[in-house]
């Protein structure tokens, strides 16, 4: 809280929900988990509190799928949730019931969405739980980490209340470069021209559908990149606490007009070298 965030852009739940889960991943409700959510709500105050649903697999925590040949493309995120309906149901009930008494603007974020059906299934379960338990449904959002989610953004907007770009995963899937593989480390590049262009495409689609869009991940916490994102039209950035003061300082030191101009230049770049030149120019003068 000392870094001055305006709410919580992404609250990870994995550690607490794995703590008390059985081998089927279905026993997830416990005192520690409720207190964890309550503390987050207290800190968020009347601002937004975005809770990401149980997100495991890939380079994150084990998904109970055992060893996978290609975990980055395997059983992870919402795929785990939908194949463990007991886990999803209990987590939804726990989060919504715990946070309902608090004044924060509660949002749920679905990880690793690749199609409309996944969002529809989660919303259906949330609505059923709220009806049965007499709870108020909360905003449901999509974490855009897969190129297919960008291509389907217009359709997803019909079923999601907001979207959040997970730049770490989106970058690795755009560039076919596993960020956990040292052999292709040089190919994993968050400021690659293609990354900026796909983000721009998503921004335009969300704007056309009046769908709120934020950015989280490594790109949002890099001051120069955050400036470009602002110039592209992003007005909500999610990052670790220590990154906030410098990003705020840099944002306040430039006009929006200048940032819009730099963003246009970024989108014209075809090489990383050209992108870096534009980013470096933000430090001049």
Protein backbone atom coordinates (compact mmCIF):
# COMPACT_ATOMS: atom_id res chain seq x y z
CA UNK A 1 0.00 0.00 0.00
CA UNK A 2 2.91 2.41 0.59
CA UNK A 3 3.56 2.56 -3.16
CA UNK A 4 0.22 4.26 -3.78
CA UNK A 5 -1.71 1.89 -6.05
CA UNK A 6 -5.32 2.62 -6.93
CA UNK A 7 -6.76 -0.74 -5.99
CA UNK A 8 -5.41 -4.22 -6.75
CA UNK A 9 -5.03 -5.03 -10.43
CA UNK A 10 -4.37 -8.74 -10.02
CA UNK A 11 -4.61 -10.81 -6.85
CA UNK A 12 -3.05 -14.26 -7.24
CA UNK A 13 -4.88 -17.02 -5.35
CA UNK A 14 -2.80 -20.11 -6.16
CA UNK A 15 -0.76 -20.49 -2.97
CA UNK A 16 -3.74 -20.25 -0.62
CA UNK A 17 -6.00 -22.46 -2.67
CA UNK A 18 -3.39 -25.16 -3.12
CA UNK A 19 -2.60 -25.06 0.58
CA UNK A 20 -5.69 -26.96 1.60
CA UNK A 21 -6.70 -28.74 -1.61
CA UNK A 22 -6.96 -32.53 -1.65
CA UNK A 23 -5.56 -34.68 -4.44
CA UNK A 24 -8.63 -33.98 -6.57
CA UNK A 25 -8.23 -30.26 -5.96
CA UNK A 26 -11.77 -29.97 -4.59
CA UNK A 27 -11.37 -29.00 -0.92
CA UNK A 28 -10.42 -25.36 -1.17
CA UNK A 29 -12.32 -23.43 1.50
CA UNK A 30 -10.48 -22.57 4.70
CA UNK A 31 -9.98 -19.84 7.27
CA UNK A 32 -6.60 -18.76 5.86
CA UNK A 33 -8.08 -18.24 2.41
CA UNK A 34 -10.96 -16.14 3.73
CA UNK A 35 -8.61 -13.99 5.77
CA UNK A 36 -6.34 -13.56 2.75
CA UNK A 37 -9.25 -12.21 0.69
CA UNK A 38 -10.54 -10.04 3.54
CA UNK A 39 -7.12 -8.44 3.98
CA UNK A 40 -6.92 -7.67 0.26
CA UNK A 41 -10.38 -6.09 0.40
CA UNK A 42 -9.39 -3.97 3.38
CA UNK A 43 -6.35 -2.68 1.50
CA UNK A 44 -8.31 -2.06 -1.70
CA UNK A 45 -10.82 0.14 0.12
CA UNK A 46 -13.38 1.44 -2.36
CA UNK A 47 -11.11 0.79 -5.32
CA UNK A 48 -11.04 -2.19 -7.66
CA UNK A 49 -10.01 -5.63 -6.41
CA UNK A 50 -9.37 -8.01 -9.30
CA UNK A 51 -9.08 -11.59 -8.11
CA UNK A 52 -7.60 -14.01 -10.60
CA UNK A 53 -9.08 -17.48 -10.38
CA UNK A 54 -6.82 -20.45 -9.56
CA UNK A 55 -4.12 -20.35 -12.24
CA UNK A 56 -1.66 -23.23 -12.41
CA UNK A 57 0.29 -25.08 -15.07
CA UNK A 58 2.89 -23.95 -17.58
CA UNK A 59 5.65 -21.99 -15.85
CA UNK A 60 3.43 -21.49 -12.80
CA UNK A 61 2.68 -23.99 -10.05
CA UNK A 62 2.04 -27.66 -10.79
CA UNK A 63 -1.35 -28.39 -12.33
CA UNK A 64 -1.59 -31.97 -10.97
CA UNK A 65 -1.42 -33.17 -14.56
CA UNK A 66 1.91 -34.83 -13.98
CA UNK A 67 4.79 -34.33 -16.38
CA UNK A 68 3.68 -32.83 -19.69
CA UNK A 69 5.71 -32.77 -22.89
CA UNK A 70 4.77 -29.14 -23.51
CA UNK A 71 3.24 -27.64 -20.34
CA UNK A 72 2.99 -24.14 -21.84
CA UNK A 73 0.41 -25.57 -24.27
CA UNK A 74 -1.05 -28.04 -21.81
CA UNK A 75 -3.43 -28.39 -18.89
CA UNK A 76 -3.40 -24.95 -17.30
CA UNK A 77 -5.52 -21.95 -16.35
CA UNK A 78 -9.23 -22.17 -17.08
CA UNK A 79 -8.74 -25.65 -18.54
CA UNK A 80 -7.91 -26.92 -15.06
CA UNK A 81 -10.88 -25.09 -13.56
CA UNK A 82 -13.43 -26.45 -16.02
CA UNK A 83 -12.13 -30.00 -15.66
CA UNK A 84 -12.41 -29.66 -11.86
CA UNK A 85 -15.91 -28.16 -11.47
CA UNK A 86 -15.85 -28.77 -7.73
CA UNK A 87 -12.75 -26.64 -7.40
CA UNK A 88 -14.20 -23.86 -9.56
CA UNK A 89 -17.55 -23.87 -7.77
CA UNK A 90 -16.04 -23.65 -4.31
CA UNK A 91 -13.58 -20.96 -5.28
CA UNK A 92 -16.28 -18.82 -6.87
CA UNK A 93 -18.51 -19.18 -3.81
CA UNK A 94 -15.63 -18.42 -1.43
CA UNK A 95 -14.50 -15.27 -3.26
CA UNK A 96 -17.95 -13.80 -3.86
CA UNK A 97 -19.32 -14.54 -0.38
CA UNK A 98 -16.19 -13.29 1.38
CA UNK A 99 -15.94 -10.03 -0.54
CA UNK A 100 -19.62 -9.13 -0.79
CA UNK A 101 -19.70 -7.15 2.52
CA UNK A 102 -16.74 -4.98 1.47
CA UNK A 103 -17.06 -1.71 -0.53
CA UNK A 104 -14.32 -2.65 -3.03
CA UNK A 105 -15.22 -3.06 -6.71
CA UNK A 106 -14.76 -6.85 -6.92
CA UNK A 107 -13.81 -8.37 -10.26
CA UNK A 108 -13.02 -11.98 -11.16
CA UNK A 109 -10.41 -12.70 -13.80
CA UNK A 110 -10.40 -15.95 -15.80
CA UNK A 111 -6.87 -17.08 -16.75
CA UNK A 112 -5.73 -18.54 -20.04
CA UNK A 113 -8.95 -18.06 -22.01
CA UNK A 114 -8.80 -19.27 -25.61
CA UNK A 115 -12.50 -19.35 -26.55
CA UNK A 116 -15.97 -17.98 -25.80
CA UNK A 117 -17.25 -21.29 -24.43
CA UNK A 118 -14.90 -21.07 -21.45
CA UNK A 119 -16.23 -17.69 -20.39
CA UNK A 120 -19.83 -18.78 -20.86
CA UNK A 121 -19.25 -21.84 -18.66
CA UNK A 122 -17.66 -19.85 -15.83
CA UNK A 123 -20.37 -17.19 -15.93
CA UNK A 124 -23.10 -19.82 -15.90
CA UNK A 125 -21.62 -21.38 -12.78
CA UNK A 126 -21.21 -18.00 -11.11
CA UNK A 127 -24.83 -17.07 -11.82
CA UNK A 128 -26.04 -20.43 -10.47
CA UNK A 129 -24.04 -20.03 -7.27
CA UNK A 130 -25.26 -16.47 -6.73
CA UNK A 131 -28.86 -17.52 -7.30
CA UNK A 132 -28.63 -20.49 -4.94
CA UNK A 133 -26.68 -18.65 -2.22
CA UNK A 134 -28.49 -15.33 -2.68
CA UNK A 135 -25.27 -13.53 -3.54
CA UNK A 136 -24.73 -10.67 -5.99
CA UNK A 137 -22.83 -11.60 -9.17
CA UNK A 138 -19.57 -9.68 -9.70
CA UNK A 139 -17.80 -8.48 -12.82
CA UNK A 140 -16.21 -11.27 -14.82
CA UNK A 141 -13.17 -10.64 -16.98
CA UNK A 142 -10.92 -12.39 -19.45
CA UNK A 143 -7.15 -12.56 -19.17
CA UNK A 144 -5.88 -12.18 -22.74
CA UNK A 145 -2.79 -14.34 -22.97
CA UNK A 146 -3.51 -16.39 -26.10
CA UNK A 147 -3.64 -14.98 -29.67
CA UNK A 148 -7.03 -16.66 -30.23
CA UNK A 149 -8.47 -14.46 -27.46
CA UNK A 150 -7.32 -11.39 -29.38
CA UNK A 151 -8.90 -12.67 -32.58
CA UNK A 152 -12.16 -13.37 -30.72
CA UNK A 153 -12.09 -10.22 -28.58
CA UNK A 154 -15.29 -8.85 -30.13
CA UNK A 155 -17.15 -12.06 -29.37
CA UNK A 156 -15.64 -12.34 -25.90
CA UNK A 157 -16.78 -8.79 -25.15
CA UNK A 158 -20.38 -10.00 -25.34
CA UNK A 159 -19.77 -12.30 -22.38
CA UNK A 160 -17.01 -10.56 -20.39
CA UNK A 161 -17.24 -7.30 -18.44
CA UNK A 162 -13.58 -6.40 -18.93
CA UNK A 163 -10.28 -7.72 -20.26
CA UNK A 164 -6.72 -7.72 -18.99
CA UNK A 165 -3.71 -8.34 -21.22
CA UNK A 166 -1.24 -10.79 -19.69
CA UNK A 167 1.80 -9.61 -21.61
CA UNK A 168 4.19 -12.31 -20.34
CA UNK A 169 2.22 -15.21 -21.79
CA UNK A 170 0.92 -13.29 -24.79
CA UNK A 171 4.51 -12.56 -25.76
CA UNK A 172 5.63 -16.17 -25.55
CA UNK A 173 2.68 -17.43 -27.56
CA UNK A 174 3.00 -14.69 -30.18
CA UNK A 175 6.69 -15.42 -30.66
CA UNK A 176 6.56 -19.21 -30.09
CA UNK A 177 9.29 -18.76 -27.47
CA UNK A 178 8.86 -20.56 -24.14
CA UNK A 179 9.96 -17.98 -21.57
CA UNK A 180 11.16 -20.75 -19.29
CA UNK A 181 13.44 -22.27 -21.95
CA UNK A 182 16.99 -20.91 -21.74
CA UNK A 183 17.71 -22.07 -25.29
CA UNK A 184 15.24 -19.59 -26.77
CA UNK A 185 15.73 -16.82 -24.22
CA UNK A 186 16.90 -14.40 -26.90
CA UNK A 187 13.70 -14.99 -28.89
CA UNK A 188 11.43 -14.05 -25.98
CA UNK A 189 11.13 -10.30 -26.40
CA UNK A 190 8.29 -8.31 -24.74
CA UNK A 191 8.96 -5.27 -26.96
CA UNK A 192 8.94 -7.19 -30.26
CA UNK A 193 7.06 -5.23 -32.99
CA UNK A 194 4.45 -8.00 -33.29
CA UNK A 195 3.60 -7.69 -29.59
CA UNK A 196 2.84 -3.98 -29.94
CA UNK A 197 0.70 -4.59 -33.01
CA UNK A 198 -1.43 -7.30 -31.45
CA UNK A 199 -1.95 -5.13 -28.37
CA UNK A 200 -3.04 -2.28 -30.63
CA UNK A 201 -5.50 -4.59 -32.37
CA UNK A 202 -7.01 -5.58 -29.02
CA UNK A 203 -7.23 -1.97 -27.84
CA UNK A 204 -9.18 -1.01 -30.95
CA UNK A 205 -11.57 -3.97 -30.63
CA UNK A 206 -12.25 -3.29 -26.94
CA UNK A 207 -12.82 0.39 -27.66
CA UNK A 208 -15.33 -0.49 -30.38
CA UNK A 209 -17.22 -2.69 -27.90
CA UNK A 210 -16.83 -0.35 -24.88
CA UNK A 211 -14.99 -3.09 -22.99
CA UNK A 212 -12.57 -1.86 -20.29
CA UNK A 213 -9.02 -3.05 -20.94
CA UNK A 214 -5.97 -3.09 -18.68
CA UNK A 215 -2.42 -4.41 -19.05
CA UNK A 216 -0.51 -6.50 -16.53
CA UNK A 217 2.79 -8.30 -16.64
CA UNK A 218 6.35 -7.31 -17.42
CA UNK A 219 5.46 -4.76 -20.09
CA UNK A 220 3.25 -2.70 -17.75
CA UNK A 221 6.03 -2.38 -15.17
CA UNK A 222 8.67 -1.16 -17.62
CA UNK A 223 8.47 2.67 -17.46
CA UNK A 224 9.25 3.26 -21.16
CA UNK A 225 6.80 0.57 -22.25
CA UNK A 226 4.13 1.91 -19.86
CA UNK A 227 4.45 5.30 -21.56
CA UNK A 228 3.80 3.74 -24.96
CA UNK A 229 0.84 1.76 -23.61
CA UNK A 230 -0.66 4.99 -22.31
CA UNK A 231 -0.14 6.57 -25.70
CA UNK A 232 -1.90 3.62 -27.33
CA UNK A 233 -4.98 4.22 -25.17
CA UNK A 234 -4.44 2.01 -22.11
CA UNK A 235 -5.54 3.78 -18.93
CA UNK A 236 -5.10 0.96 -16.38
CA UNK A 237 -1.78 -0.72 -15.64
CA UNK A 238 -1.22 -3.57 -13.17
CA UNK A 239 2.26 -4.17 -11.76
CA UNK A 240 4.16 -5.12 -8.62
CA UNK A 241 4.18 -2.45 -5.92
CA UNK A 242 7.83 -1.33 -6.18
CA UNK A 243 7.37 -0.50 -9.88
CA UNK A 244 4.51 1.96 -9.30
CA UNK A 245 6.38 5.14 -8.18
CA UNK A 246 8.76 5.21 -11.16
CA UNK A 247 6.00 4.50 -13.68
CA UNK A 248 3.85 7.27 -12.18
CA UNK A 249 6.79 9.67 -12.20
CA UNK A 250 7.54 8.97 -15.86
CA UNK A 251 3.90 9.25 -16.91
CA UNK A 252 3.62 12.65 -15.25
CA UNK A 253 6.74 13.91 -17.03
CA UNK A 254 5.29 13.59 -20.54
CA UNK A 255 2.24 14.97 -22.33
CA UNK A 256 -0.35 12.56 -23.65
CA UNK A 257 0.06 14.16 -27.06
CA UNK A 258 3.74 13.16 -27.13
CA UNK A 259 2.96 9.61 -25.97
CA UNK A 260 0.33 9.18 -28.69
CA UNK A 261 2.91 10.28 -31.25
CA UNK A 262 5.53 7.82 -29.92
CA UNK A 263 2.94 5.03 -29.95
CA UNK A 264 2.28 5.65 -33.63
CA UNK A 265 6.01 5.39 -34.29
CA UNK A 266 6.21 2.08 -32.37
CA UNK A 267 3.46 0.60 -34.53
CA UNK A 268 5.43 1.50 -37.66
CA UNK A 269 8.52 -0.37 -36.46
CA UNK A 270 9.45 -3.67 -38.05
CA UNK A 271 12.50 -4.57 -35.95
CA UNK A 272 13.31 -4.61 -32.25
CA UNK A 273 16.16 -2.19 -32.90
CA UNK A 274 13.69 0.35 -34.26
CA UNK A 275 11.41 -0.16 -31.26
CA UNK A 276 14.29 0.38 -28.84
CA UNK A 277 15.20 3.60 -30.64
CA UNK A 278 11.70 4.95 -30.05
CA UNK A 279 11.73 3.83 -26.42
CA UNK A 280 15.12 5.46 -25.89
CA UNK A 281 13.84 8.73 -27.32
CA UNK A 282 11.46 8.95 -24.34
CA UNK A 283 14.50 9.51 -22.13
CA UNK A 284 15.88 12.38 -24.19
CA UNK A 285 15.36 16.03 -23.45
